[in-house]
């Protein structure tokens, strides 16, 4: 971790690691997760999506625990497959 990242973490409580993963891997993982979201709800999901909601957090909820839903989501950023 660079000194500037370390300083940012100490100051803000977080740091941003840009380009941590190759862009093609991120695109593949994003597309997979978005396809999963379009298919509906899953076990252990706390919030479902409501496409007609005015509240953006209901319309576009955070995607959490996708690693529990299928093997590709679990290993998506960790392997090339």
C-alpha atoms as a PDB file:
ATOM      1  CA  UNK A   1       0.000   0.000   0.000  1.00  0.00           C
ATOM      2  CA  UNK A   2       1.381   3.411  -0.927  1.00  0.00           C
ATOM      3  CA  UNK A   3       2.049   6.062   1.698  1.00  0.00           C
ATOM      4  CA  UNK A   4      -0.732   8.250   0.256  1.00  0.00           C
ATOM      5  CA  UNK A   5      -3.231   5.365   0.454  1.00  0.00           C
ATOM      6  CA  UNK A   6      -2.156   4.639   3.993  1.00  0.00           C
ATOM      7  CA  UNK A   7      -2.562   8.311   4.936  1.00  0.00           C
ATOM      8  CA  UNK A   8      -6.007   8.421   3.314  1.00  0.00           C
ATOM      9  CA  UNK A   9      -7.029   5.341   5.282  1.00  0.00           C
ATOM     10  CA  UNK A  10      -5.781   6.790   8.553  1.00  0.00           C
ATOM     11  CA  UNK A  11      -7.544  10.103   7.835  1.00  0.00           C
ATOM     12  CA  UNK A  12     -10.825   8.821   6.317  1.00  0.00           C
ATOM     13  CA  UNK A  13     -11.172   5.254   7.565  1.00  0.00           C
ATOM     14  CA  UNK A  14     -11.086   3.834   4.006  1.00  0.00           C
ATOM     15  CA  UNK A  15      -8.984   3.972   0.876  1.00  0.00           C
ATOM     16  CA  UNK A  16      -9.736   3.369  -2.781  1.00  0.00           C
ATOM     17  CA  UNK A  17      -7.668   0.845  -4.723  1.00  0.00           C
ATOM     18  CA  UNK A  18      -8.167   1.827  -8.359  1.00  0.00           C
ATOM     19  CA  UNK A  19      -7.629  -0.802 -11.055  1.00  0.00           C
ATOM     20  CA  UNK A  20      -7.224  -3.545  -8.454  1.00  0.00           C
ATOM     21  CA  UNK A  21      -8.759  -6.052 -10.897  1.00  0.00           C
ATOM     22  CA  UNK A  22      -8.339  -6.120 -14.702  1.00  0.00           C
ATOM     23  CA  UNK A  23     -11.219  -4.378 -16.516  1.00  0.00           C
ATOM     24  CA  UNK A  24     -12.276  -7.498 -18.493  1.00  0.00           C
ATOM     25  CA  UNK A  25     -12.581  -9.506 -15.242  1.00  0.00           C
ATOM     26  CA  UNK A  26     -14.655  -6.765 -13.637  1.00  0.00           C
ATOM     27  CA  UNK A  27     -16.941  -6.557 -16.691  1.00  0.00           C
ATOM     28  CA  UNK A  28     -17.463 -10.342 -16.727  1.00  0.00           C
ATOM     29  CA  UNK A  29     -18.230 -10.440 -12.991  1.00  0.00           C
ATOM     30  CA  UNK A  30     -20.529  -7.375 -13.224  1.00  0.00           C
ATOM     31  CA  UNK A  31     -22.464  -8.867 -16.149  1.00  0.00           C
ATOM     32  CA  UNK A  32     -22.853 -12.178 -14.320  1.00  0.00           C
ATOM     33  CA  UNK A  33     -24.123 -10.479 -11.162  1.00  0.00           C
ATOM     34  CA  UNK A  34     -26.524  -8.236 -13.094  1.00  0.00           C
ATOM     35  CA  UNK A  35     -27.947 -11.306 -14.871  1.00  0.00           C
ATOM     36  CA  UNK A  36     -28.432 -12.966 -11.482  1.00  0.00           C
ATOM     37  CA  UNK A  37     -30.253  -9.867 -10.217  1.00  0.00           C
ATOM     38  CA  UNK A  38     -32.591  -9.884 -13.235  1.00  0.00           C
ATOM     39  CA  UNK A  39     -33.552 -13.502 -12.474  1.00  0.00           C
ATOM     40  CA  UNK A  40     -35.095 -12.508  -9.132  1.00  0.00           C
ATOM     41  CA  UNK A  41     -34.636 -13.056  -5.420  1.00  0.00           C
ATOM     42  CA  UNK A  42     -32.337 -15.487  -3.643  1.00  0.00           C
ATOM     43  CA  UNK A  43     -32.036 -17.134  -0.225  1.00  0.00           C
ATOM     44  CA  UNK A  44     -30.430 -14.947   2.465  1.00  0.00           C
ATOM     45  CA  UNK A  45     -31.284 -11.798   0.513  1.00  0.00           C
ATOM     46  CA  UNK A  46     -32.513  -9.052   2.822  1.00  0.00           C
ATOM     47  CA  UNK A  47     -33.895  -6.650   0.197  1.00  0.00           C
ATOM     48  CA  UNK A  48     -35.461  -7.373  -3.162  1.00  0.00           C
ATOM     49  CA  UNK A  49     -35.547  -5.032  -6.131  1.00  0.00           C
ATOM     50  CA  UNK A  50     -38.672  -3.031  -6.955  1.00  0.00           C
ATOM     51  CA  UNK A  51     -38.229  -1.683 -10.511  1.00  0.00           C
ATOM     52  CA  UNK A  52     -41.192   0.680 -10.102  1.00  0.00           C
ATOM     53  CA  UNK A  53     -40.022   2.272  -6.847  1.00  0.00           C
ATOM     54  CA  UNK A  54     -39.140   5.965  -6.748  1.00  0.00           C
ATOM     55  CA  UNK A  55     -36.586   5.343  -3.997  1.00  0.00           C
ATOM     56  CA  UNK A  56     -33.296   4.488  -5.776  1.00  0.00           C
ATOM     57  CA  UNK A  57     -32.256   2.141  -2.952  1.00  0.00           C
ATOM     58  CA  UNK A  58     -35.397   0.067  -3.553  1.00  0.00           C
ATOM     59  CA  UNK A  59     -35.180   0.345  -7.320  1.00  0.00           C
ATOM     60  CA  UNK A  60     -31.453  -0.431  -7.499  1.00  0.00           C
ATOM     61  CA  UNK A  61     -30.633  -2.157  -4.207  1.00  0.00           C
ATOM     62  CA  UNK A  62     -27.113  -2.986  -3.190  1.00  0.00           C
ATOM     63  CA  UNK A  63     -26.109  -6.430  -4.246  1.00  0.00           C
ATOM     64  CA  UNK A  64     -24.895  -8.331  -1.206  1.00  0.00           C
ATOM     65  CA  UNK A  65     -24.007 -11.948  -0.462  1.00  0.00           C
ATOM     66  CA  UNK A  66     -24.052 -13.006  -4.109  1.00  0.00           C
ATOM     67  CA  UNK A  67     -21.268 -15.439  -3.253  1.00  0.00           C
ATOM     68  CA  UNK A  68     -23.947 -17.450  -1.444  1.00  0.00           C
ATOM     69  CA  UNK A  69     -26.084 -17.779  -4.572  1.00  0.00           C
ATOM     70  CA  UNK A  70     -23.818 -19.547  -7.027  1.00  0.00           C
ATOM     71  CA  UNK A  71     -20.254 -20.722  -7.560  1.00  0.00           C
ATOM     72  CA  UNK A  72     -19.421 -18.159 -10.268  1.00  0.00           C
ATOM     73  CA  UNK A  73     -20.358 -15.271  -7.971  1.00  0.00           C
ATOM     74  CA  UNK A  74     -18.255 -16.842  -5.250  1.00  0.00           C
ATOM     75  CA  UNK A  75     -15.112 -17.143  -7.344  1.00  0.00           C
ATOM     76  CA  UNK A  76     -15.800 -14.448  -9.960  1.00  0.00           C
ATOM     77  CA  UNK A  77     -12.966 -12.115  -9.063  1.00  0.00           C
ATOM     78  CA  UNK A  78     -10.664 -14.832  -7.801  1.00  0.00           C
ATOM     79  CA  UNK A  79     -10.271 -16.992 -10.892  1.00  0.00           C
ATOM     80  CA  UNK A  80     -10.368 -16.694 -14.664  1.00  0.00           C
ATOM     81  CA  UNK A  81     -13.534 -18.706 -15.040  1.00  0.00           C
END
